[in-house]
Amino acid sequence: MMRAMSEPSTANKPAVRFHTVSEEEAGQRLDNFLMRILKGTPKSMIYRIVRKGEVRVNKGRIKPEYRLEQDDVVRIPPVRVSEKAPTENRRHIELLSDRILFEDDRLLILNKPAGMAVHGGSGVSSGVIEALRASRPDAHFLELVHRLDRDTSGCLMIAKKRSMLRTLHELLREGKVGKFYLALVQGRWPGKRWIDAPLRKNQLSGGERIVRVSPEGKPARSCFRPVDHFTDATLVEVELDTGRTHQIRVHAQHAGHPLAGDDKYGSADFNERMKQAGLRRLFLHAHRIGLHLPDGRDIDVSAPLDAELQAVLDNL
């Protein structure tokens, strides 16, 4: 429960607040906690007030990455917060309103739209998690369980309880969460095939992140299985054993079958042909998640292809 006190303030000035961290809130990073408490405040301001010492934990200065502990007392300075969600947040809330695939008191799974980041940062002020928190102001805990690239659509898990977040992270580490994607690749994929190729992240001179197959990289394993064949493309289902950055895209390129609509790792000629079929984005969709929880429940959720991607297949 929250126990709050306020320092003296004028009627026109927001008051300093002191928030005692509950058991459910424990474990969150300070910056993420402040983003939830100070809804509508730019992330740059969150970091500024922490850096200047205006935010204190147990009366001491603290870093944004500090993980809160139960009964910590957080001093929250008088920051003026817009009562209305930012325009980008409102747009995202509308996009997510009818995309809930599964929800109970501990877990939410939604069908993330392509083009929406899972969280703000890197030039993006708002993402899925910020929009969900803004649309559910009474929710005490909402945290991403995993991530999807901005251009990827499909199943995304959000924990509503700290205990569920810990459980799902453990299942992910142990490889006990089934993650299945649909991707359109160039050429004719011959049959079921495992790609076992380590991946290493690099930075290009322009600051762009790129991933390459490299013996010095981290282990990465993907299973590709053809679902449907077209004249110059194959729809494949991909099962992931690991969850490396850009794993499916780089493994497909490594196998000689780059993804349709992939501007970073794909084929310009193939992308142009797919554009003629109506493709305007990366053809990669997280279509299914399956897991067995320690309490004995089985959860198996699938997300239908977006109408845009289905139209491309119909055109092919």
C-alpha atoms as a PDB file:
ATOM      1  CA  MET A   1       0.000   0.000   0.000  1.00  0.00           C
ATOM      2  CA  MET A   2       1.090   3.570  -0.636  1.00  0.00           C
ATOM      3  CA  ARG A   3       1.664   5.848   2.360  1.00  0.00           C
ATOM      4  CA  ALA A   4       2.108   9.440   1.334  1.00  0.00           C
ATOM      5  CA  MET A   5       3.022  12.734   3.015  1.00  0.00           C
ATOM      6  CA  SER A   6       3.352  16.172   1.466  1.00  0.00           C
ATOM      7  CA  GLU A   7       5.623  19.121   2.119  1.00  0.00           C
ATOM      8  CA  PRO A   8       3.929  22.522   2.476  1.00  0.00           C
ATOM      9  CA  SER A   9       2.917  23.947  -0.889  1.00  0.00           C
ATOM     10  CA  THR A  10       0.931  26.764  -2.361  1.00  0.00           C
ATOM     11  CA  ALA A  11      -2.383  26.125  -4.062  1.00  0.00           C
ATOM     12  CA  ASN A  12      -0.852  26.739  -7.474  1.00  0.00           C
ATOM     13  CA  LYS A  13       2.255  24.623  -7.012  1.00  0.00           C
ATOM     14  CA  PRO A  14       2.382  20.818  -7.107  1.00  0.00           C
ATOM     15  CA  ALA A  15       3.492  19.331  -3.796  1.00  0.00           C
ATOM     16  CA  VAL A  16       6.461  17.125  -3.047  1.00  0.00           C
ATOM     17  CA  ARG A  17       5.285  13.561  -2.445  1.00  0.00           C
ATOM     18  CA  PHE A  18       6.823  10.718  -0.486  1.00  0.00           C
ATOM     19  CA  HIS A  19       5.930   7.258  -1.791  1.00  0.00           C
ATOM     20  CA  THR A  20       6.633   4.100   0.211  1.00  0.00           C
ATOM     21  CA  VAL A  21       7.395   1.207  -2.136  1.00  0.00           C
ATOM     22  CA  SER A  22       5.012  -1.733  -1.810  1.00  0.00           C
ATOM     23  CA  GLU A  23       5.939  -5.404  -2.152  1.00  0.00           C
ATOM     24  CA  GLU A  24       4.400  -5.456  -5.642  1.00  0.00           C
ATOM     25  CA  GLU A  25       6.406  -2.410  -6.758  1.00  0.00           C
ATOM     26  CA  ALA A  26       9.723  -3.739  -5.436  1.00  0.00           C
ATOM     27  CA  GLY A  27      12.235  -4.696  -8.105  1.00  0.00           C
ATOM     28  CA  GLN A  28      11.312  -1.948 -10.570  1.00  0.00           C
ATOM     29  CA  ARG A  29      13.977   0.382 -11.870  1.00  0.00           C
ATOM     30  CA  LEU A  30      13.630   3.884 -10.470  1.00  0.00           C
ATOM     31  CA  ASP A  31      13.285   5.475 -13.930  1.00  0.00           C
ATOM     32  CA  ASN A  32      10.482   3.082 -14.920  1.00  0.00           C
ATOM     33  CA  PHE A  33       8.727   3.687 -11.601  1.00  0.00           C
ATOM     34  CA  LEU A  34       8.863   7.466 -12.114  1.00  0.00           C
ATOM     35  CA  MET A  35       7.560   7.150 -15.675  1.00  0.00           C
ATOM     36  CA  ARG A  36       4.484   5.423 -14.245  1.00  0.00           C
ATOM     37  CA  ILE A  37       3.986   7.802 -11.334  1.00  0.00           C
ATOM     38  CA  LEU A  38       4.633  10.973 -13.359  1.00  0.00           C
ATOM     39  CA  LYS A  39       2.487  10.090 -16.373  1.00  0.00           C
ATOM     40  CA  GLY A  40       3.002  12.448 -19.294  1.00  0.00           C
ATOM     41  CA  THR A  41       6.433  13.625 -18.141  1.00  0.00           C
ATOM     42  CA  PRO A  42       9.096  13.415 -20.879  1.00  0.00           C
ATOM     43  CA  LYS A  43      11.757  10.809 -20.232  1.00  0.00           C
ATOM     44  CA  SER A  44      14.444  13.496 -20.538  1.00  0.00           C
ATOM     45  CA  MET A  45      12.885  15.350 -17.597  1.00  0.00           C
ATOM     46  CA  ILE A  46      12.742  12.144 -15.539  1.00  0.00           C
ATOM     47  CA  TYR A  47      16.490  11.684 -15.948  1.00  0.00           C
ATOM     48  CA  ARG A  48      17.152  15.375 -15.290  1.00  0.00           C
ATOM     49  CA  ILE A  49      15.347  15.475 -11.937  1.00  0.00           C
ATOM     50  CA  VAL A  50      17.109  12.273 -10.850  1.00  0.00           C
ATOM     51  CA  ARG A  51      20.507  13.624 -11.927  1.00  0.00           C
ATOM     52  CA  LYS A  52      19.924  16.919 -10.073  1.00  0.00           C
ATOM     53  CA  GLY A  53      19.059  15.062  -6.872  1.00  0.00           C
ATOM     54  CA  GLU A  54      15.444  16.205  -6.799  1.00  0.00           C
ATOM     55  CA  VAL A  55      14.404  12.559  -6.589  1.00  0.00           C
ATOM     56  CA  ARG A  56      15.685  10.845  -3.458  1.00  0.00           C
ATOM     57  CA  VAL A  57      15.381   7.331  -2.105  1.00  0.00           C
ATOM     58  CA  ASN A  58      15.575   7.033   1.697  1.00  0.00           C
ATOM     59  CA  LYS A  59      16.810  10.669   1.705  1.00  0.00           C
ATOM     60  CA  GLY A  60      19.819   9.842  -0.478  1.00  0.00           C
ATOM     61  CA  ARG A  61      20.728  10.657  -4.078  1.00  0.00           C
ATOM     62  CA  ILE A  62      20.211   7.741  -6.403  1.00  0.00           C
ATOM     63  CA  LYS A  63      20.803   6.594  -9.993  1.00  0.00           C
ATOM     64  CA  PRO A  64      17.996   5.961 -12.521  1.00  0.00           C
ATOM     65  CA  GLU A  65      18.872   2.269 -12.838  1.00  0.00           C
ATOM     66  CA  TYR A  66      18.522   1.623  -9.079  1.00  0.00           C
ATOM     67  CA  ARG A  67      16.021  -1.170  -8.378  1.00  0.00           C
ATOM     68  CA  LEU A  68      13.548  -0.252  -5.698  1.00  0.00           C
ATOM     69  CA  GLU A  69      13.188  -2.368  -2.565  1.00  0.00           C
ATOM     70  CA  GLN A  70      10.110  -2.849  -0.441  1.00  0.00           C
ATOM     71  CA  ASP A  71       9.614  -0.003   2.085  1.00  0.00           C
ATOM     72  CA  ASP A  72      12.013   2.337   0.261  1.00  0.00           C
ATOM     73  CA  VAL A  73      10.741   5.910   0.586  1.00  0.00           C
ATOM     74  CA  VAL A  74      10.921   7.812  -2.702  1.00  0.00           C
ATOM     75  CA  ARG A  75      10.843  11.616  -2.720  1.00  0.00           C
ATOM     76  CA  ILE A  76       8.943  12.719  -5.825  1.00  0.00           C
ATOM     77  CA  PRO A  77       9.501  16.414  -6.627  1.00  0.00           C
ATOM     78  CA  PRO A  78       6.745  18.851  -7.684  1.00  0.00           C
ATOM     79  CA  VAL A  79       6.770  18.212 -11.426  1.00  0.00           C
ATOM     80  CA  ARG A  80       3.892  19.630 -13.411  1.00  0.00           C
ATOM     81  CA  VAL A  81       2.373  16.737 -15.330  1.00  0.00           C
ATOM     82  CA  SER A  82      -0.020  17.180 -18.222  1.00  0.00           C
ATOM     83  CA  GLU A  83      -3.466  15.859 -17.344  1.00  0.00           C
ATOM     84  CA  LYS A  84      -3.862  14.666 -20.912  1.00  0.00           C
ATOM     85  CA  ALA A  85      -1.741  11.934 -22.389  1.00  0.00           C
ATOM     86  CA  PRO A  86       0.671  13.106 -25.126  1.00  0.00           C
ATOM     87  CA  THR A  87      -0.737  12.934 -28.646  1.00  0.00           C
ATOM     88  CA  GLU A  88       1.448   9.913 -29.465  1.00  0.00           C
ATOM     89  CA  ASN A  89       0.231   8.148 -26.326  1.00  0.00           C
ATOM     90  CA  ARG A  90      -3.418   8.792 -27.171  1.00  0.00           C
ATOM     91  CA  ARG A  91      -2.887   7.427 -30.679  1.00  0.00           C
ATOM     92  CA  HIS A  92      -1.200   4.313 -29.285  1.00  0.00           C
ATOM     93  CA  ILE A  93      -3.977   3.780 -26.735  1.00  0.00           C
ATOM     94  CA  GLU A  94      -6.505   3.792 -29.572  1.00  0.00           C
ATOM     95  CA  LEU A  95      -4.406   1.318 -31.595  1.00  0.00           C
ATOM     96  CA  LEU A  96      -4.160  -1.097 -28.646  1.00  0.00           C
ATOM     97  CA  SER A  97      -7.770  -0.853 -27.491  1.00  0.00           C
ATOM     98  CA  ASP A  98      -9.006  -3.888 -29.463  1.00  0.00           C
ATOM     99  CA  ARG A  99      -5.766  -5.897 -29.604  1.00  0.00           C
ATOM    100  CA  ILE A 100      -5.925  -7.762 -26.288  1.00  0.00           C
ATOM    101  CA  LEU A 101      -5.636 -11.498 -27.010  1.00  0.00           C
ATOM    102  CA  PHE A 102      -5.525 -12.827 -23.444  1.00  0.00           C
ATOM    103  CA  GLU A 103      -5.840 -11.300 -19.977  1.00  0.00           C
ATOM    104  CA  ASP A 104      -6.199 -12.482 -16.402  1.00  0.00           C
ATOM    105  CA  ASP A 105      -5.191 -10.932 -13.083  1.00  0.00           C
ATOM    106  CA  ARG A 106      -1.469 -11.635 -13.656  1.00  0.00           C
ATOM    107  CA  LEU A 107      -0.779 -11.579 -17.396  1.00  0.00           C
ATOM    108  CA  LEU A 108      -1.810  -9.688 -20.505  1.00  0.00           C
ATOM    109  CA  ILE A 109      -0.961 -10.728 -24.071  1.00  0.00           C
ATOM    110  CA  LEU A 110      -1.663  -8.334 -26.922  1.00  0.00           C
ATOM    111  CA  ASN A 111      -1.211  -8.231 -30.677  1.00  0.00           C
ATOM    112  CA  LYS A 112       1.346  -5.431 -31.086  1.00  0.00           C
ATOM    113  CA  PRO A 113       0.905  -3.351 -34.246  1.00  0.00           C
ATOM    114  CA  ALA A 114       3.862  -3.009 -36.608  1.00  0.00           C
ATOM    115  CA  GLY A 115       5.546   0.377 -36.380  1.00  0.00           C
ATOM    116  CA  MET A 116       4.991   0.781 -32.629  1.00  0.00           C
ATOM    117  CA  ALA A 117       7.958   0.467 -30.268  1.00  0.00           C
ATOM    118  CA  VAL A 118       7.454  -1.618 -27.139  1.00  0.00           C
ATOM    119  CA  HIS A 119       8.768   1.278 -25.012  1.00  0.00           C
ATOM    120  CA  GLY A 120       9.897   4.878 -25.395  1.00  0.00           C
ATOM    121  CA  GLY A 121      13.510   5.817 -26.068  1.00  0.00           C
ATOM    122  CA  SER A 122      15.899   6.278 -29.008  1.00  0.00           C
ATOM    123  CA  GLY A 123      13.872   9.140 -30.432  1.00  0.00           C
ATOM    124  CA  VAL A 124      10.496   7.576 -29.561  1.00  0.00           C
ATOM    125  CA  SER A 125       8.653   9.261 -26.683  1.00  0.00           C
ATOM    126  CA  SER A 126       5.997   6.597 -26.212  1.00  0.00           C
ATOM    127  CA  GLY A 127       5.502   2.908 -26.861  1.00  0.00           C
ATOM    128  CA  VAL A 128       3.258  -0.001 -25.910  1.00  0.00           C
ATOM    129  CA  ILE A 129       4.083  -0.010 -22.205  1.00  0.00           C
ATOM    130  CA  GLU A 130       3.642   3.754 -21.795  1.00  0.00           C
ATOM    131  CA  ALA A 131       0.302   3.623 -23.603  1.00  0.00           C
ATOM    132  CA  LEU A 132      -0.934   0.744 -21.435  1.00  0.00           C
ATOM    133  CA  ARG A 133       0.074   2.524 -18.237  1.00  0.00           C
ATOM    134  CA  ALA A 134      -1.652   5.715 -19.392  1.00  0.00           C
ATOM    135  CA  SER A 135      -4.836   3.822 -20.257  1.00  0.00           C
ATOM    136  CA  ARG A 136      -4.831   1.969 -16.901  1.00  0.00           C
ATOM    137  CA  PRO A 137      -3.960   4.594 -14.269  1.00  0.00           C
ATOM    138  CA  ASP A 138      -5.094   2.318 -11.419  1.00  0.00           C
ATOM    139  CA  ALA A 139      -2.784  -0.541 -12.426  1.00  0.00           C
ATOM    140  CA  HIS A 140      -0.034  -0.871  -9.798  1.00  0.00           C
ATOM    141  CA  PHE A 141       2.247  -2.979 -11.982  1.00  0.00           C
ATOM    142  CA  LEU A 142       2.662  -3.342 -15.747  1.00  0.00           C
ATOM    143  CA  GLU A 143       6.006  -4.505 -17.133  1.00  0.00           C
ATOM    144  CA  LEU A 144       7.217  -5.919 -20.440  1.00  0.00           C
ATOM    145  CA  VAL A 145       8.094  -9.603 -20.196  1.00  0.00           C
ATOM    146  CA  HIS A 146      10.051  -9.576 -23.472  1.00  0.00           C
ATOM    147  CA  ARG A 147      10.443  -7.347 -26.526  1.00  0.00           C
ATOM    148  CA  LEU A 148       9.557  -7.246 -30.195  1.00  0.00           C
ATOM    149  CA  ASP A 149      11.317  -5.080 -32.759  1.00  0.00           C
ATOM    150  CA  ARG A 150       9.417  -1.972 -33.717  1.00  0.00           C
ATOM    151  CA  ASP A 151       8.686  -3.294 -37.244  1.00  0.00           C
ATOM    152  CA  THR A 152       7.463  -6.677 -35.962  1.00  0.00           C
ATOM    153  CA  SER A 153       3.804  -7.263 -35.131  1.00  0.00           C
ATOM    154  CA  GLY A 154       2.199  -9.940 -32.996  1.00  0.00           C
ATOM    155  CA  CYS A 155       2.093 -11.558 -29.549  1.00  0.00           C
ATOM    156  CA  LEU A 156       3.640  -9.484 -26.754  1.00  0.00           C
ATOM    157  CA  MET A 157       3.457 -10.453 -23.070  1.00  0.00           C
ATOM    158  CA  ILE A 158       2.932  -7.875 -20.292  1.00  0.00           C
ATOM    159  CA  ALA A 159       3.160  -8.947 -16.638  1.00  0.00           C
ATOM    160  CA  LYS A 160       0.603  -7.494 -14.234  1.00  0.00           C
ATOM    161  CA  LYS A 161       2.291  -8.924 -11.138  1.00  0.00           C
ATOM    162  CA  ARG A 162       5.936  -8.972 -10.084  1.00  0.00           C
ATOM    163  CA  SER A 163       5.629 -12.690  -9.298  1.00  0.00           C
ATOM    164  CA  MET A 164       4.424 -13.419 -12.847  1.00  0.00           C
ATOM    165  CA  LEU A 165       7.301 -11.388 -14.324  1.00  0.00           C
ATOM    166  CA  ARG A 166       9.811 -13.472 -12.357  1.00  0.00           C
ATOM    167  CA  THR A 167       8.098 -16.718 -13.392  1.00  0.00           C
ATOM    168  CA  LEU A 168       8.035 -15.833 -17.086  1.00  0.00           C
ATOM    169  CA  HIS A 169      11.642 -14.634 -17.089  1.00  0.00           C
ATOM    170  CA  GLU A 170      12.670 -17.975 -15.587  1.00  0.00           C
ATOM    171  CA  LEU A 171      10.668 -19.901 -18.200  1.00  0.00           C
ATOM    172  CA  LEU A 172      12.250 -17.806 -20.980  1.00  0.00           C
ATOM    173  CA  ARG A 173      15.761 -18.466 -19.638  1.00  0.00           C
ATOM    174  CA  GLU A 174      15.023 -22.188 -19.540  1.00  0.00           C
ATOM    175  CA  GLY A 175      13.631 -22.176 -23.086  1.00  0.00           C
ATOM    176  CA  LYS A 176      10.173 -23.239 -21.891  1.00  0.00           C
ATOM    177  CA  VAL A 177       8.199 -20.556 -23.743  1.00  0.00           C
ATOM    178  CA  GLY A 178       7.227 -21.476 -27.296  1.00  0.00           C
ATOM    179  CA  LYS A 179       7.633 -18.450 -29.573  1.00  0.00           C
ATOM    180  CA  PHE A 180       6.469 -18.875 -33.168  1.00  0.00           C
ATOM    181  CA  TYR A 181       6.650 -16.330 -35.993  1.00  0.00           C
ATOM    182  CA  LEU A 182       5.354 -16.106 -39.545  1.00  0.00           C
ATOM    183  CA  ALA A 183       7.758 -14.620 -42.081  1.00  0.00           C
ATOM    184  CA  LEU A 184       7.771 -14.236 -45.858  1.00  0.00           C
ATOM    185  CA  VAL A 185      11.192 -15.058 -47.280  1.00  0.00           C
ATOM    186  CA  GLN A 186      12.737 -14.847 -50.734  1.00  0.00           C
ATOM    187  CA  GLY A 187      12.818 -17.941 -52.942  1.00  0.00           C
ATOM    188  CA  ARG A 188      11.675 -21.472 -52.201  1.00  0.00           C
ATOM    189  CA  TRP A 189      12.534 -22.659 -48.700  1.00  0.00           C
ATOM    190  CA  PRO A 190      13.105 -26.391 -49.235  1.00  0.00           C
ATOM    191  CA  GLY A 191      11.882 -27.952 -45.968  1.00  0.00           C
ATOM    192  CA  LYS A 192      12.158 -27.885 -42.186  1.00  0.00           C
ATOM    193  CA  ARG A 193      15.611 -26.650 -41.234  1.00  0.00           C
ATOM    194  CA  TRP A 194      17.366 -25.563 -38.057  1.00  0.00           C
ATOM    195  CA  ILE A 195      19.732 -22.593 -38.344  1.00  0.00           C
ATOM    196  CA  ASP A 196      22.346 -22.729 -35.582  1.00  0.00           C
ATOM    197  CA  ALA A 197      24.548 -19.682 -36.100  1.00  0.00           C
ATOM    198  CA  PRO A 198      25.949 -17.391 -33.359  1.00  0.00           C
ATOM    199  CA  LEU A 199      25.092 -13.689 -33.672  1.00  0.00           C
ATOM    200  CA  ARG A 200      27.158 -10.647 -32.805  1.00  0.00           C
ATOM    201  CA  LYS A 201      25.924  -7.061 -32.548  1.00  0.00           C
ATOM    202  CA  ASN A 202      28.040  -4.339 -34.130  1.00  0.00           C
ATOM    203  CA  GLN A 203      27.792  -0.576 -34.511  1.00  0.00           C
ATOM    204  CA  LEU A 204      28.230   0.990 -37.937  1.00  0.00           C
ATOM    205  CA  SER A 205      29.940   4.336 -38.384  1.00  0.00           C
ATOM    206  CA  GLY A 206      26.589   6.096 -38.545  1.00  0.00           C
ATOM    207  CA  GLY A 207      25.559   4.635 -35.198  1.00  0.00           C
ATOM    208  CA  GLU A 208      23.141   2.148 -36.752  1.00  0.00           C
ATOM    209  CA  ARG A 209      22.939  -1.206 -34.986  1.00  0.00           C
ATOM    210  CA  ILE A 210      23.555  -4.233 -37.161  1.00  0.00           C
ATOM    211  CA  VAL A 211      23.864  -7.939 -36.352  1.00  0.00           C
ATOM    212  CA  ARG A 212      26.094 -10.449 -38.118  1.00  0.00           C
ATOM    213  CA  VAL A 213      26.728 -14.188 -37.940  1.00  0.00           C
ATOM    214  CA  SER A 214      30.081 -14.525 -36.173  1.00  0.00           C
ATOM    215  CA  PRO A 215      31.983 -17.246 -34.277  1.00  0.00           C
ATOM    216  CA  GLU A 216      32.512 -14.638 -31.534  1.00  0.00           C
ATOM    217  CA  GLY A 217      28.772 -14.025 -31.212  1.00  0.00           C
ATOM    218  CA  LYS A 218      26.193 -15.367 -28.777  1.00  0.00           C
ATOM    219  CA  PRO A 219      24.529 -18.729 -29.493  1.00  0.00           C
ATOM    220  CA  ALA A 220      21.377 -18.403 -31.604  1.00  0.00           C
ATOM    221  CA  ARG A 221      19.104 -21.165 -32.911  1.00  0.00           C
ATOM    222  CA  SER A 222      15.999 -20.926 -35.103  1.00  0.00           C
ATOM    223  CA  CYS A 223      13.831 -23.532 -36.810  1.00  0.00           C
ATOM    224  CA  PHE A 224      12.291 -22.620 -40.192  1.00  0.00           C
ATOM    225  CA  ARG A 225       9.388 -24.647 -41.579  1.00  0.00           C
ATOM    226  CA  PRO A 226       7.650 -23.817 -44.894  1.00  0.00           C
ATOM    227  CA  VAL A 227       3.911 -23.157 -44.650  1.00  0.00           C
ATOM    228  CA  ASP A 228       3.065 -22.042 -48.188  1.00  0.00           C
ATOM    229  CA  HIS A 229       5.005 -21.578 -51.424  1.00  0.00           C
ATOM    230  CA  PHE A 230       4.574 -18.787 -53.970  1.00  0.00           C
ATOM    231  CA  THR A 231       6.297 -18.018 -57.276  1.00  0.00           C
ATOM    232  CA  ASP A 232       9.238 -16.160 -55.771  1.00  0.00           C
ATOM    233  CA  ALA A 233       8.635 -16.428 -52.023  1.00  0.00           C
ATOM    234  CA  THR A 234       7.841 -18.820 -49.170  1.00  0.00           C
ATOM    235  CA  LEU A 235       5.730 -18.232 -46.087  1.00  0.00           C
ATOM    236  CA  VAL A 236       7.609 -19.896 -43.219  1.00  0.00           C
ATOM    237  CA  GLU A 237       6.899 -20.508 -39.563  1.00  0.00           C
ATOM    238  CA  VAL A 238       9.924 -19.836 -37.378  1.00  0.00           C
ATOM    239  CA  GLU A 239      10.373 -21.263 -33.888  1.00  0.00           C
ATOM    240  CA  LEU A 240      12.991 -19.625 -31.681  1.00  0.00           C
ATOM    241  CA  ASP A 241      15.220 -21.454 -29.229  1.00  0.00           C
ATOM    242  CA  THR A 242      16.923 -18.151 -28.327  1.00  0.00           C
ATOM    243  CA  GLY A 243      15.854 -14.521 -28.560  1.00  0.00           C
ATOM    244  CA  ARG A 244      18.756 -12.544 -29.997  1.00  0.00           C
ATOM    245  CA  THR A 245      18.378  -9.135 -31.609  1.00  0.00           C
ATOM    246  CA  HIS A 246      17.240  -9.455 -35.260  1.00  0.00           C
ATOM    247  CA  GLN A 247      17.691 -13.230 -34.978  1.00  0.00           C
ATOM    248  CA  ILE A 248      15.118 -14.323 -37.569  1.00  0.00           C
ATOM    249  CA  ARG A 249      16.133 -11.628 -40.051  1.00  0.00           C
ATOM    250  CA  VAL A 250      19.844 -12.446 -39.878  1.00  0.00           C
ATOM    251  CA  HIS A 251      19.375 -16.223 -39.872  1.00  0.00           C
ATOM    252  CA  ALA A 252      17.114 -15.958 -42.930  1.00  0.00           C
ATOM    253  CA  GLN A 253      19.706 -13.822 -44.721  1.00  0.00           C
ATOM    254  CA  HIS A 254      22.442 -16.263 -43.678  1.00  0.00           C
ATOM    255  CA  ALA A 255      20.438 -19.108 -45.236  1.00  0.00           C
ATOM    256  CA  GLY A 256      20.109 -17.181 -48.515  1.00  0.00           C
ATOM    257  CA  HIS A 257      16.398 -16.383 -48.042  1.00  0.00           C
ATOM    258  CA  PRO A 258      16.121 -12.800 -46.702  1.00  0.00           C
ATOM    259  CA  LEU A 259      12.821 -11.506 -45.346  1.00  0.00           C
ATOM    260  CA  ALA A 260      10.419  -9.504 -47.494  1.00  0.00           C
ATOM    261  CA  GLY A 261      10.429  -5.817 -46.674  1.00  0.00           C
ATOM    262  CA  ASP A 262      13.712  -5.984 -44.752  1.00  0.00           C
ATOM    263  CA  ASP A 263      15.563  -2.768 -45.578  1.00  0.00           C
ATOM    264  CA  LYS A 264      18.581  -3.676 -43.428  1.00  0.00           C
ATOM    265  CA  TYR A 265      19.311  -7.321 -44.238  1.00  0.00           C
ATOM    266  CA  GLY A 266      17.133  -7.967 -47.276  1.00  0.00           C
ATOM    267  CA  SER A 267      17.329  -7.842 -51.065  1.00  0.00           C
ATOM    268  CA  ALA A 268      16.407  -4.553 -52.735  1.00  0.00           C
ATOM    269  CA  ASP A 269      15.129  -6.319 -55.869  1.00  0.00           C
ATOM    270  CA  PHE A 270      13.001  -8.777 -53.884  1.00  0.00           C
ATOM    271  CA  ASN A 271      11.655  -5.981 -51.697  1.00  0.00           C
ATOM    272  CA  GLU A 272      10.635  -4.035 -54.792  1.00  0.00           C
ATOM    273  CA  ARG A 273       8.768  -7.053 -56.175  1.00  0.00           C
ATOM    274  CA  MET A 274       6.985  -7.545 -52.866  1.00  0.00           C
ATOM    275  CA  LYS A 275       6.099  -3.858 -52.855  1.00  0.00           C
ATOM    276  CA  GLN A 276       4.296  -4.443 -56.119  1.00  0.00           C
ATOM    277  CA  ALA A 277       2.232  -7.052 -54.248  1.00  0.00           C
ATOM    278  CA  GLY A 278       1.263  -4.414 -51.690  1.00  0.00           C
ATOM    279  CA  LEU A 279       3.899  -4.941 -48.973  1.00  0.00           C
ATOM    280  CA  ARG A 280       4.744  -1.716 -47.131  1.00  0.00           C
ATOM    281  CA  ARG A 281       6.520  -3.116 -44.070  1.00  0.00           C
ATOM    282  CA  LEU A 282       8.696  -5.956 -42.814  1.00  0.00           C
ATOM    283  CA  PHE A 283       6.847  -9.245 -43.206  1.00  0.00           C
ATOM    284  CA  LEU A 284       7.473 -10.655 -39.731  1.00  0.00           C
ATOM    285  CA  HIS A 285       4.681 -11.492 -37.297  1.00  0.00           C
ATOM    286  CA  ALA A 286       4.857 -13.142 -33.851  1.00  0.00           C
ATOM    287  CA  HIS A 287       1.823 -15.306 -34.403  1.00  0.00           C
ATOM    288  CA  ARG A 288       1.833 -17.660 -31.394  1.00  0.00           C
ATOM    289  CA  ILE A 289       3.036 -18.003 -27.795  1.00  0.00           C
ATOM    290  CA  GLY A 290       2.675 -21.196 -25.759  1.00  0.00           C
ATOM    291  CA  LEU A 291       3.733 -21.916 -22.178  1.00  0.00           C
ATOM    292  CA  HIS A 292       3.034 -24.157 -19.201  1.00  0.00           C
ATOM    293  CA  LEU A 293       2.855 -22.289 -15.874  1.00  0.00           C
ATOM    294  CA  PRO A 294       4.040 -23.789 -12.552  1.00  0.00           C
ATOM    295  CA  ASP A 295       0.435 -23.666 -11.275  1.00  0.00           C
ATOM    296  CA  GLY A 296      -0.492 -26.231 -13.940  1.00  0.00           C
ATOM    297  CA  ARG A 297      -2.168 -23.883 -16.411  1.00  0.00           C
ATOM    298  CA  ASP A 298      -1.384 -24.051 -20.119  1.00  0.00           C
ATOM    299  CA  ILE A 299      -1.555 -20.804 -22.075  1.00  0.00           C
ATOM    300  CA  ASP A 300      -1.540 -20.935 -25.867  1.00  0.00           C
ATOM    301  CA  VAL A 301      -2.367 -17.687 -27.661  1.00  0.00           C
ATOM    302  CA  SER A 302      -2.242 -16.832 -31.347  1.00  0.00           C
ATOM    303  CA  ALA A 303      -2.487 -13.501 -33.146  1.00  0.00           C
ATOM    304  CA  PRO A 304      -4.022 -13.371 -36.630  1.00  0.00           C
ATOM    305  CA  LEU A 305      -2.009 -11.820 -39.436  1.00  0.00           C
ATOM    306  CA  ASP A 306      -2.741  -8.138 -39.920  1.00  0.00           C
ATOM    307  CA  ALA A 307      -5.036  -7.457 -42.878  1.00  0.00           C
ATOM    308  CA  GLU A 308      -2.148  -5.787 -44.732  1.00  0.00           C
ATOM    309  CA  LEU A 309       0.014  -8.911 -44.584  1.00  0.00           C
ATOM    310  CA  GLN A 310      -2.868 -11.218 -45.468  1.00  0.00           C
ATOM    311  CA  ALA A 311      -3.612  -9.036 -48.506  1.00  0.00           C
ATOM    312  CA  VAL A 312      -0.003  -9.468 -49.688  1.00  0.00           C
ATOM    313  CA  LEU A 313      -0.347 -13.262 -49.530  1.00  0.00           C
ATOM    314  CA  ASP A 314      -3.652 -13.066 -51.392  1.00  0.00           C
ATOM    315  CA  ASN A 315      -1.985 -10.987 -54.095  1.00  0.00           C
ATOM    316  CA  LEU A 316       0.873 -13.464 -54.417  1.00  0.00           C
END
